Amino acid sequence: MRFSKLPASIVLVFSVLLLFPVRGVADKLKGFYSGSGGLSQEGHRVVFVEFGTDGTAIVQQKWHEKDPQEWRGRWVKDGSTVTVTYDPAKDPAKDGPTPVPLVMKFKHGSLTATSWDQQTLGLLGPPKLSPFGGENVQPGTVSSCQSINSGGPAGNCVTWSSKDRH
């Protein structure tokens, strides 16, 4: 039987079924994303986001020649939208107010911010975030992280206890 003689409904169903596995793999959120950018050397920064399977997240931003800034929160994925809602600031006088949620679109494996807190992530927002290379799976949690291991996701994050030993 030639392919052109198959009923159109069978061809359509077969075509749709072929697309499902590809979409499922493409929409899988990785554990560690990074991006960098800026209009000048002074405005250049690197942004890292790490997602735990338990819904915890850590966002780290490092501006040129400044100390890194970090925020913890919870993430949810709804279709192609990923939202990070930050944990309330423990000391708003010292840490500043809690940032408004970071909302990103997940497309072709990368995250692009669509809404963010301009006071923390700048007027232009975070750069496009791409998955960090290699085996990049979500850790169970990032709640015990003191900071992101920006040297590579294989070591997950720097925990409170490992940072105290140095």
N, C-alpha and C. Protein backbone atom coordinates (compact mmCIF):
# COMPACT_ATOMS: atom_id res chain seq x y z
N MET A 1 0.85 -1.17 0.00
CA MET A 1 0.00 0.00 0.00
C MET A 1 0.90 1.23 0.00
N ARG A 2 0.60 2.12 -0.88
CA ARG A 2 1.39 3.35 -0.96
C ARG A 2 0.90 4.34 0.09
N PHE A 3 1.83 5.18 0.59
CA PHE A 3 1.53 6.17 1.63
C PHE A 3 0.44 7.14 1.19
N SER A 4 0.44 7.51 -0.08
CA SER A 4 -0.53 8.49 -0.57
C SER A 4 -1.94 7.93 -0.59
N LYS A 5 -2.12 6.61 -0.51
CA LYS A 5 -3.45 6.01 -0.53
C LYS A 5 -4.04 5.81 0.87
N LEU A 6 -3.26 6.11 1.93
CA LEU A 6 -3.79 6.00 3.28
C LEU A 6 -4.80 7.11 3.51
N PRO A 7 -5.86 6.85 4.27
CA PRO A 7 -6.83 7.90 4.57
C PRO A 7 -6.14 9.07 5.31
N ALA A 8 -6.57 10.25 5.02
CA ALA A 8 -5.97 11.46 5.59
C ALA A 8 -6.01 11.44 7.12
N SER A 9 -7.06 10.90 7.73
CA SER A 9 -7.16 10.87 9.19
C SER A 9 -6.07 10.00 9.80
N ILE A 10 -5.72 8.89 9.18
CA ILE A 10 -4.66 8.02 9.69
C ILE A 10 -3.31 8.73 9.57
N VAL A 11 -3.07 9.39 8.46
CA VAL A 11 -1.82 10.13 8.27
C VAL A 11 -1.70 11.24 9.32
N LEU A 12 -2.81 11.93 9.59
CA LEU A 12 -2.80 13.01 10.58
C LEU A 12 -2.51 12.47 11.98
N VAL A 13 -3.18 11.41 12.38
CA VAL A 13 -2.97 10.81 13.69
C VAL A 13 -1.51 10.34 13.83
N PHE A 14 -0.99 9.68 12.82
CA PHE A 14 0.39 9.20 12.85
C PHE A 14 1.37 10.38 12.97
N SER A 15 1.12 11.45 12.24
CA SER A 15 1.99 12.64 12.29
C SER A 15 1.99 13.27 13.67
N VAL A 16 0.82 13.39 14.28
CA VAL A 16 0.71 13.98 15.62
C VAL A 16 1.43 13.12 16.65
N LEU A 17 1.27 11.81 16.57
CA LEU A 17 1.93 10.91 17.51
C LEU A 17 3.45 11.00 17.40
N LEU A 18 3.97 11.23 16.22
CA LEU A 18 5.42 11.38 16.04
C LEU A 18 5.94 12.64 16.72
N LEU A 19 5.12 13.67 16.81
CA LEU A 19 5.55 14.95 17.40
C LEU A 19 5.59 14.92 18.92
N PHE A 20 4.78 14.12 19.58
CA PHE A 20 4.72 14.12 21.04
C PHE A 20 6.05 13.82 21.72
N PRO A 21 6.78 12.76 21.36
CA PRO A 21 8.05 12.51 22.04
C PRO A 21 9.05 13.65 21.86
N VAL A 22 9.10 14.25 20.68
CA VAL A 22 10.03 15.35 20.43
C VAL A 22 9.67 16.54 21.31
N ARG A 23 8.40 16.88 21.41
CA ARG A 23 7.98 18.01 22.23
C ARG A 23 8.28 17.74 23.70
N GLY A 24 8.06 16.53 24.16
CA GLY A 24 8.32 16.20 25.56
C GLY A 24 9.78 16.39 25.93
N VAL A 25 10.68 16.01 25.05
CA VAL A 25 12.10 16.18 25.33
C VAL A 25 12.48 17.66 25.25
N ALA A 26 11.96 18.39 24.27
CA ALA A 26 12.31 19.79 24.09
C ALA A 26 11.81 20.66 25.24
N ASP A 27 10.72 20.28 25.86
CA ASP A 27 10.15 21.08 26.94
C ASP A 27 10.65 20.69 28.32
N LYS A 28 11.63 19.80 28.41
CA LYS A 28 12.13 19.36 29.70
C LYS A 28 13.06 20.43 30.26
N LEU A 29 12.70 20.93 31.43
CA LEU A 29 13.48 21.96 32.09
C LEU A 29 14.74 21.33 32.68
N LYS A 30 15.87 21.90 32.39
CA LYS A 30 17.15 21.44 32.93
C LYS A 30 17.33 22.01 34.33
N GLY A 31 18.40 21.63 34.99
CA GLY A 31 18.65 22.10 36.35
C GLY A 31 19.37 23.42 36.43
N PHE A 32 20.22 23.74 35.44
CA PHE A 32 21.13 24.87 35.56
C PHE A 32 21.14 25.67 34.26
N TYR A 33 20.88 26.97 34.35
CA TYR A 33 20.87 27.86 33.19
C TYR A 33 21.78 29.04 33.45
N SER A 34 22.37 29.57 32.39
CA SER A 34 23.22 30.75 32.53
C SER A 34 23.10 31.62 31.29
N GLY A 35 23.42 32.90 31.49
CA GLY A 35 23.44 33.84 30.38
C GLY A 35 24.23 35.06 30.79
N SER A 36 24.77 35.75 29.81
CA SER A 36 25.52 36.97 30.10
C SER A 36 25.22 38.01 29.05
N GLY A 37 25.44 39.26 29.43
CA GLY A 37 25.21 40.33 28.49
C GLY A 37 25.33 41.68 29.15
N GLY A 38 25.24 42.71 28.35
CA GLY A 38 25.32 44.08 28.82
C GLY A 38 25.74 44.98 27.67
N LEU A 39 25.39 46.26 27.78
CA LEU A 39 25.71 47.20 26.72
C LEU A 39 27.12 47.76 26.84
N SER A 40 27.72 47.64 28.01
CA SER A 40 29.08 48.13 28.23
C SER A 40 29.75 47.23 29.26
N GLN A 41 31.05 47.44 29.48
CA GLN A 41 31.76 46.63 30.46
C GLN A 41 31.15 46.83 31.85
N GLU A 42 30.81 48.07 32.19
CA GLU A 42 30.23 48.35 33.51
C GLU A 42 28.83 47.76 33.65
N GLY A 43 28.14 47.60 32.55
CA GLY A 43 26.79 47.06 32.58
C GLY A 43 26.72 45.57 32.31
N HIS A 44 27.88 44.93 32.18
CA HIS A 44 27.90 43.51 31.88
C HIS A 44 27.67 42.69 33.15
N ARG A 45 26.89 41.63 33.02
CA ARG A 45 26.67 40.72 34.14
C ARG A 45 26.39 39.33 33.64
N VAL A 46 26.53 38.39 34.55
CA VAL A 46 26.24 36.98 34.29
C VAL A 46 25.11 36.60 35.23
N VAL A 47 24.12 35.91 34.71
CA VAL A 47 22.98 35.46 35.51
C VAL A 47 22.93 33.93 35.45
N PHE A 48 22.77 33.32 36.62
CA PHE A 48 22.62 31.87 36.75
C PHE A 48 21.30 31.58 37.44
N VAL A 49 20.63 30.53 37.02
CA VAL A 49 19.43 30.05 37.70
C VAL A 49 19.56 28.54 37.84
N GLU A 50 19.27 28.04 39.03
CA GLU A 50 19.26 26.60 39.25
C GLU A 50 17.89 26.21 39.79
N PHE A 51 17.32 25.15 39.18
CA PHE A 51 15.99 24.67 39.54
C PHE A 51 16.10 23.31 40.20
N GLY A 52 15.48 23.14 41.36
CA GLY A 52 15.40 21.84 42.03
C GLY A 52 14.09 21.16 41.66
N THR A 53 14.08 19.83 41.66
CA THR A 53 12.86 19.10 41.33
C THR A 53 11.75 19.33 42.35
N ASP A 54 12.11 19.77 43.56
CA ASP A 54 11.11 20.03 44.59
C ASP A 54 10.48 21.41 44.47
N GLY A 55 10.81 22.16 43.40
CA GLY A 55 10.23 23.49 43.20
C GLY A 55 11.06 24.62 43.78
N THR A 56 12.21 24.30 44.38
CA THR A 56 13.08 25.37 44.89
C THR A 56 13.92 25.92 43.74
N ALA A 57 14.33 27.17 43.88
CA ALA A 57 15.16 27.81 42.86
C ALA A 57 16.12 28.78 43.53
N ILE A 58 17.24 29.00 42.87
CA ILE A 58 18.18 30.02 43.31
C ILE A 58 18.59 30.81 42.06
N VAL A 59 18.57 32.13 42.18
CA VAL A 59 18.95 33.03 41.09
C VAL A 59 20.17 33.80 41.57
N GLN A 60 21.21 33.82 40.75
CA GLN A 60 22.42 34.56 41.11
C GLN A 60 22.78 35.48 39.96
N GLN A 61 23.16 36.70 40.30
CA GLN A 61 23.56 37.69 39.32
C GLN A 61 24.91 38.28 39.73
N LYS A 62 25.82 38.36 38.79
CA LYS A 62 27.14 38.92 39.06
C LYS A 62 27.41 40.03 38.05
N TRP A 63 27.32 41.29 38.52
CA TRP A 63 27.65 42.44 37.70
C TRP A 63 29.17 42.59 37.65
N HIS A 64 29.68 43.22 36.64
CA HIS A 64 31.12 43.44 36.48
C HIS A 64 31.69 44.17 37.70
N GLU A 65 32.71 43.57 38.30
CA GLU A 65 33.44 44.12 39.44
C GLU A 65 32.56 44.42 40.66
N LYS A 66 31.51 43.63 40.84
CA LYS A 66 30.64 43.75 42.02
C LYS A 66 30.45 42.38 42.64
N ASP A 67 30.08 42.35 43.91
CA ASP A 67 29.77 41.09 44.57
C ASP A 67 28.51 40.47 43.97
N PRO A 68 28.44 39.13 43.94
CA PRO A 68 27.24 38.49 43.41
C PRO A 68 26.02 38.76 44.29
N GLN A 69 24.88 38.81 43.66
CA GLN A 69 23.60 38.93 44.36
C GLN A 69 22.88 37.61 44.19
N GLU A 70 22.20 37.15 45.25
CA GLU A 70 21.48 35.89 45.17
C GLU A 70 20.10 36.01 45.80
N TRP A 71 19.17 35.31 45.18
CA TRP A 71 17.81 35.25 45.69
C TRP A 71 17.36 33.80 45.64
N ARG A 72 16.61 33.40 46.63
CA ARG A 72 16.01 32.07 46.67
C ARG A 72 14.51 32.19 46.47
N GLY A 73 13.94 31.13 45.96
CA GLY A 73 12.50 31.16 45.74
C GLY A 73 11.97 29.81 45.33
N ARG A 74 10.79 29.85 44.74
CA ARG A 74 10.11 28.65 44.26
C ARG A 74 9.76 28.88 42.80
N TRP A 75 9.79 27.81 42.02
CA TRP A 75 9.46 27.92 40.61
C TRP A 75 8.29 27.03 40.26
N VAL A 76 7.56 27.44 39.23
CA VAL A 76 6.50 26.62 38.64
C VAL A 76 6.60 26.76 37.13
N LYS A 77 6.26 25.70 36.43
CA LYS A 77 6.21 25.71 34.97
C LYS A 77 4.78 25.45 34.55
N ASP A 78 4.23 26.36 33.79
CA ASP A 78 2.87 26.23 33.28
C ASP A 78 2.94 26.36 31.76
N GLY A 79 2.90 25.24 31.08
CA GLY A 79 3.08 25.26 29.63
C GLY A 79 4.50 25.70 29.30
N SER A 80 4.64 26.78 28.56
CA SER A 80 5.97 27.28 28.21
C SER A 80 6.41 28.43 29.11
N THR A 81 5.66 28.72 30.17
CA THR A 81 6.00 29.80 31.09
C THR A 81 6.58 29.25 32.38
N VAL A 82 7.75 29.77 32.76
CA VAL A 82 8.40 29.40 34.01
C VAL A 82 8.42 30.65 34.89
N THR A 83 7.88 30.55 36.11
CA THR A 83 7.83 31.68 37.03
C THR A 83 8.60 31.36 38.30
N VAL A 84 9.50 32.27 38.67
CA VAL A 84 10.23 32.15 39.93
C VAL A 84 9.68 33.22 40.87
N THR A 85 9.07 32.78 41.97
CA THR A 85 8.58 33.68 43.00
C THR A 85 9.58 33.65 44.14
N TYR A 86 10.13 34.80 44.46
CA TYR A 86 11.21 34.88 45.45
C TYR A 86 10.69 34.73 46.87
N ASP A 87 11.53 34.13 47.71
CA ASP A 87 11.23 34.05 49.14
C ASP A 87 11.25 35.46 49.71
N PRO A 88 10.43 35.75 50.72
CA PRO A 88 10.44 37.09 51.32
C PRO A 88 11.81 37.43 51.89
N ALA A 89 12.20 38.68 51.77
CA ALA A 89 13.47 39.14 52.33
C ALA A 89 13.45 38.98 53.84
N LYS A 90 14.51 38.40 54.40
CA LYS A 90 14.58 38.20 55.85
C LYS A 90 14.76 39.53 56.58
N ASP A 91 15.53 40.43 55.99
CA ASP A 91 15.78 41.73 56.58
C ASP A 91 15.63 42.78 55.47
N PRO A 92 14.40 43.27 55.20
CA PRO A 92 14.19 44.21 54.11
C PRO A 92 15.05 45.47 54.21
N ALA A 93 15.38 45.89 55.44
CA ALA A 93 16.22 47.08 55.59
C ALA A 93 17.63 46.82 55.03
N LYS A 94 18.13 45.62 55.23
CA LYS A 94 19.48 45.25 54.76
C LYS A 94 19.44 44.69 53.34
N ASP A 95 18.51 43.77 53.09
CA ASP A 95 18.46 43.05 51.81
C ASP A 95 17.62 43.75 50.75
N GLY A 96 16.86 44.76 51.14
CA GLY A 96 15.96 45.40 50.19
C GLY A 96 14.64 44.65 50.13
N PRO A 97 13.67 45.22 49.43
CA PRO A 97 12.37 44.55 49.35
C PRO A 97 12.46 43.26 48.54
N THR A 98 11.50 42.39 48.75
CA THR A 98 11.42 41.14 47.98
C THR A 98 11.12 41.49 46.52
N PRO A 99 11.94 41.00 45.58
CA PRO A 99 11.70 41.29 44.16
C PRO A 99 10.37 40.71 43.68
N VAL A 100 9.80 41.36 42.67
CA VAL A 100 8.60 40.81 42.03
C VAL A 100 9.04 39.54 41.28
N PRO A 101 8.11 38.62 41.02
CA PRO A 101 8.48 37.36 40.37
C PRO A 101 9.18 37.55 39.02
N LEU A 102 10.05 36.62 38.71
CA LEU A 102 10.72 36.56 37.42
C LEU A 102 9.92 35.59 36.55
N VAL A 103 9.42 36.08 35.42
CA VAL A 103 8.62 35.27 34.52
C VAL A 103 9.41 35.10 33.22
N MET A 104 9.55 33.84 32.79
CA MET A 104 10.32 33.54 31.59
C MET A 104 9.54 32.63 30.66
N LYS A 105 9.79 32.77 29.37
CA LYS A 105 9.22 31.87 28.36
C LYS A 105 10.27 30.83 28.02
N PHE A 106 9.83 29.59 27.99
CA PHE A 106 10.69 28.46 27.67
C PHE A 106 10.50 28.16 26.19
N LYS A 107 11.55 28.37 25.39
CA LYS A 107 11.42 28.15 23.96
C LYS A 107 12.74 27.61 23.41
N HIS A 108 12.67 26.54 22.68
CA HIS A 108 13.84 25.89 22.09
C HIS A 108 14.91 25.59 23.14
N GLY A 109 14.49 25.22 24.34
CA GLY A 109 15.41 24.83 25.39
C GLY A 109 16.00 25.99 26.19
N SER A 110 15.74 27.23 25.81
CA SER A 110 16.28 28.39 26.51
C SER A 110 15.16 29.16 27.20
N LEU A 111 15.55 30.01 28.15
CA LEU A 111 14.60 30.83 28.90
C LEU A 111 14.82 32.30 28.58
N THR A 112 13.75 32.99 28.22
CA THR A 112 13.81 34.42 27.93
C THR A 112 12.84 35.13 28.86
N ALA A 113 13.34 36.11 29.62
CA ALA A 113 12.52 36.83 30.59
C ALA A 113 11.47 37.67 29.87
N THR A 114 10.24 37.63 30.40
CA THR A 114 9.16 38.46 29.88
C THR A 114 8.70 39.47 30.91
N SER A 115 9.00 39.21 32.20
CA SER A 115 8.64 40.12 33.29
C SER A 115 9.63 39.89 34.42
N TRP A 116 10.11 41.00 35.03
CA TRP A 116 11.12 40.89 36.07
C TRP A 116 11.11 42.15 36.94
N ASP A 117 11.85 42.08 38.04
CA ASP A 117 12.00 43.21 38.93
C ASP A 117 13.15 44.08 38.40
N GLN A 118 12.83 45.29 37.95
CA GLN A 118 13.84 46.15 37.34
C GLN A 118 14.89 46.64 38.33
N GLN A 119 14.52 46.76 39.62
CA GLN A 119 15.49 47.19 40.62
C GLN A 119 16.60 46.17 40.83
N THR A 120 16.27 44.89 40.69
CA THR A 120 17.28 43.85 40.94
C THR A 120 17.92 43.33 39.66
N LEU A 121 17.15 43.13 38.61
CA LEU A 121 17.68 42.54 37.38
C LEU A 121 17.89 43.55 36.25
N GLY A 122 17.77 44.84 36.55
CA GLY A 122 18.07 45.88 35.57
C GLY A 122 16.92 46.20 34.64
N LEU A 123 17.03 47.37 34.00
CA LEU A 123 15.97 47.83 33.11
C LEU A 123 15.76 46.91 31.91
N LEU A 124 16.85 46.34 31.40
CA LEU A 124 16.74 45.46 30.24
C LEU A 124 16.45 44.02 30.61
N GLY A 125 16.46 43.72 31.89
CA GLY A 125 16.17 42.37 32.35
C GLY A 125 17.35 41.43 32.17
N PRO A 126 17.18 40.20 32.62
CA PRO A 126 18.27 39.24 32.50
C PRO A 126 18.47 38.84 31.05
N PRO A 127 19.69 38.43 30.70
CA PRO A 127 19.94 37.95 29.34
C PRO A 127 19.22 36.63 29.10
N LYS A 128 19.16 36.22 27.85
CA LYS A 128 18.60 34.91 27.50
C LYS A 128 19.42 33.86 28.23
N LEU A 129 18.74 32.92 28.88
CA LEU A 129 19.40 31.89 29.67
C LEU A 129 19.37 30.56 28.93
N SER A 130 20.54 30.01 28.72
CA SER A 130 20.67 28.73 28.04
C SER A 130 21.09 27.66 29.04
N PRO A 131 20.72 26.41 28.78
CA PRO A 131 21.14 25.35 29.70
C PRO A 131 22.65 25.21 29.68
N PHE A 132 23.22 25.02 30.85
CA PHE A 132 24.66 24.80 30.97
C PHE A 132 24.95 23.44 30.37
N GLY A 133 26.05 23.28 29.67
CA GLY A 133 26.37 22.07 28.94
C GLY A 133 26.58 20.84 29.80
N GLY A 134 26.79 19.73 29.13
CA GLY A 134 27.05 18.47 29.81
C GLY A 134 25.80 17.86 30.41
N GLU A 135 25.99 16.94 31.33
CA GLU A 135 24.85 16.32 32.01
C GLU A 135 24.27 17.35 32.95
N ASN A 136 23.09 17.80 32.65
CA ASN A 136 22.49 18.93 33.35
C ASN A 136 21.10 18.54 33.82
N VAL A 137 21.03 17.83 34.90
CA VAL A 137 19.75 17.39 35.44
C VAL A 137 19.40 18.23 36.67
N GLN A 138 18.14 18.29 36.98
CA GLN A 138 17.71 19.04 38.15
C GLN A 138 18.11 18.31 39.42
N PRO A 139 18.71 19.03 40.37
CA PRO A 139 18.96 18.40 41.67
C PRO A 139 17.64 18.27 42.41
N GLY A 140 17.62 17.47 43.44
CA GLY A 140 16.40 17.31 44.23
C GLY A 140 15.93 18.61 44.84
N THR A 141 16.87 19.40 45.37
CA THR A 141 16.54 20.67 46.00
C THR A 141 17.74 21.60 45.91
N VAL A 142 17.48 22.89 45.97
CA VAL A 142 18.56 23.88 46.07
C VAL A 142 18.38 24.69 47.36
N SER A 143 17.51 24.21 48.24
CA SER A 143 17.22 24.96 49.47
C SER A 143 18.43 25.04 50.40
N SER A 144 19.37 24.09 50.32
CA SER A 144 20.54 24.13 51.19
C SER A 144 21.71 24.87 50.55
N CYS A 145 21.50 25.45 49.38
CA CYS A 145 22.57 26.15 48.68
C CYS A 145 22.88 27.50 49.31
N GLN A 146 24.16 27.75 49.49
CA GLN A 146 24.58 29.10 49.89
C GLN A 146 24.80 29.92 48.63
N SER A 147 25.36 29.28 47.61
CA SER A 147 25.58 29.94 46.33
C SER A 147 25.61 28.89 45.24
N ILE A 148 25.50 29.36 44.00
CA ILE A 148 25.55 28.47 42.85
C ILE A 148 27.01 28.16 42.54
N ASN A 149 27.28 26.93 42.18
CA ASN A 149 28.62 26.53 41.74
C ASN A 149 28.76 26.97 40.29
N SER A 150 29.14 28.22 40.07
CA SER A 150 29.18 28.77 38.72
C SER A 150 30.31 28.21 37.88
N GLY A 151 31.21 27.44 38.49
CA GLY A 151 32.27 26.78 37.73
C GLY A 151 31.76 25.60 36.94
N GLY A 152 30.57 25.13 37.24
CA GLY A 152 29.98 24.01 36.52
C GLY A 152 28.92 23.35 37.36
N PRO A 153 27.83 22.94 36.73
CA PRO A 153 26.72 22.37 37.48
C PRO A 153 26.98 20.97 38.01
N ALA A 154 28.07 20.33 37.59
CA ALA A 154 28.32 18.97 38.05
C ALA A 154 28.46 18.91 39.57
N GLY A 155 28.97 19.98 40.18
CA GLY A 155 29.12 20.02 41.63
C GLY A 155 27.90 20.59 42.31
N ASN A 156 26.80 20.77 41.55
CA ASN A 156 25.56 21.33 42.07
C ASN A 156 25.83 22.72 42.63
N CYS A 157 25.71 22.91 43.92
CA CYS A 157 25.90 24.23 44.49
C CYS A 157 26.83 24.16 45.68
N VAL A 158 27.22 25.32 46.16
CA VAL A 158 28.03 25.39 47.38
C VAL A 158 27.05 25.45 48.52
N THR A 159 27.10 24.45 49.40
CA THR A 159 26.17 24.40 50.52
C THR A 159 26.72 25.19 51.69
N TRP A 160 25.88 25.46 52.65
CA TRP A 160 26.29 26.21 53.83
C TRP A 160 27.46 25.54 54.51
N SER A 161 27.42 24.21 54.69
CA SER A 161 28.47 23.52 55.41
C SER A 161 29.79 23.50 54.63
N SER A 162 29.74 23.35 53.30
CA SER A 162 30.99 23.31 52.52
C SER A 162 31.62 24.68 52.44
N LYS A 163 30.86 25.73 52.48
CA LYS A 163 31.39 27.10 52.44
C LYS A 163 32.06 27.44 53.78
N ASP A 164 31.53 26.93 54.88
CA ASP A 164 32.07 27.21 56.21
C ASP A 164 33.46 26.60 56.40
N ARG A 165 33.76 25.55 55.64
CA ARG A 165 35.04 24.84 55.82
C ARG A 165 36.21 25.57 55.18
N HIS A 166 35.95 26.50 54.30
CA HIS A 166 37.06 27.16 53.57
C HIS A 166 37.67 28.27 54.37
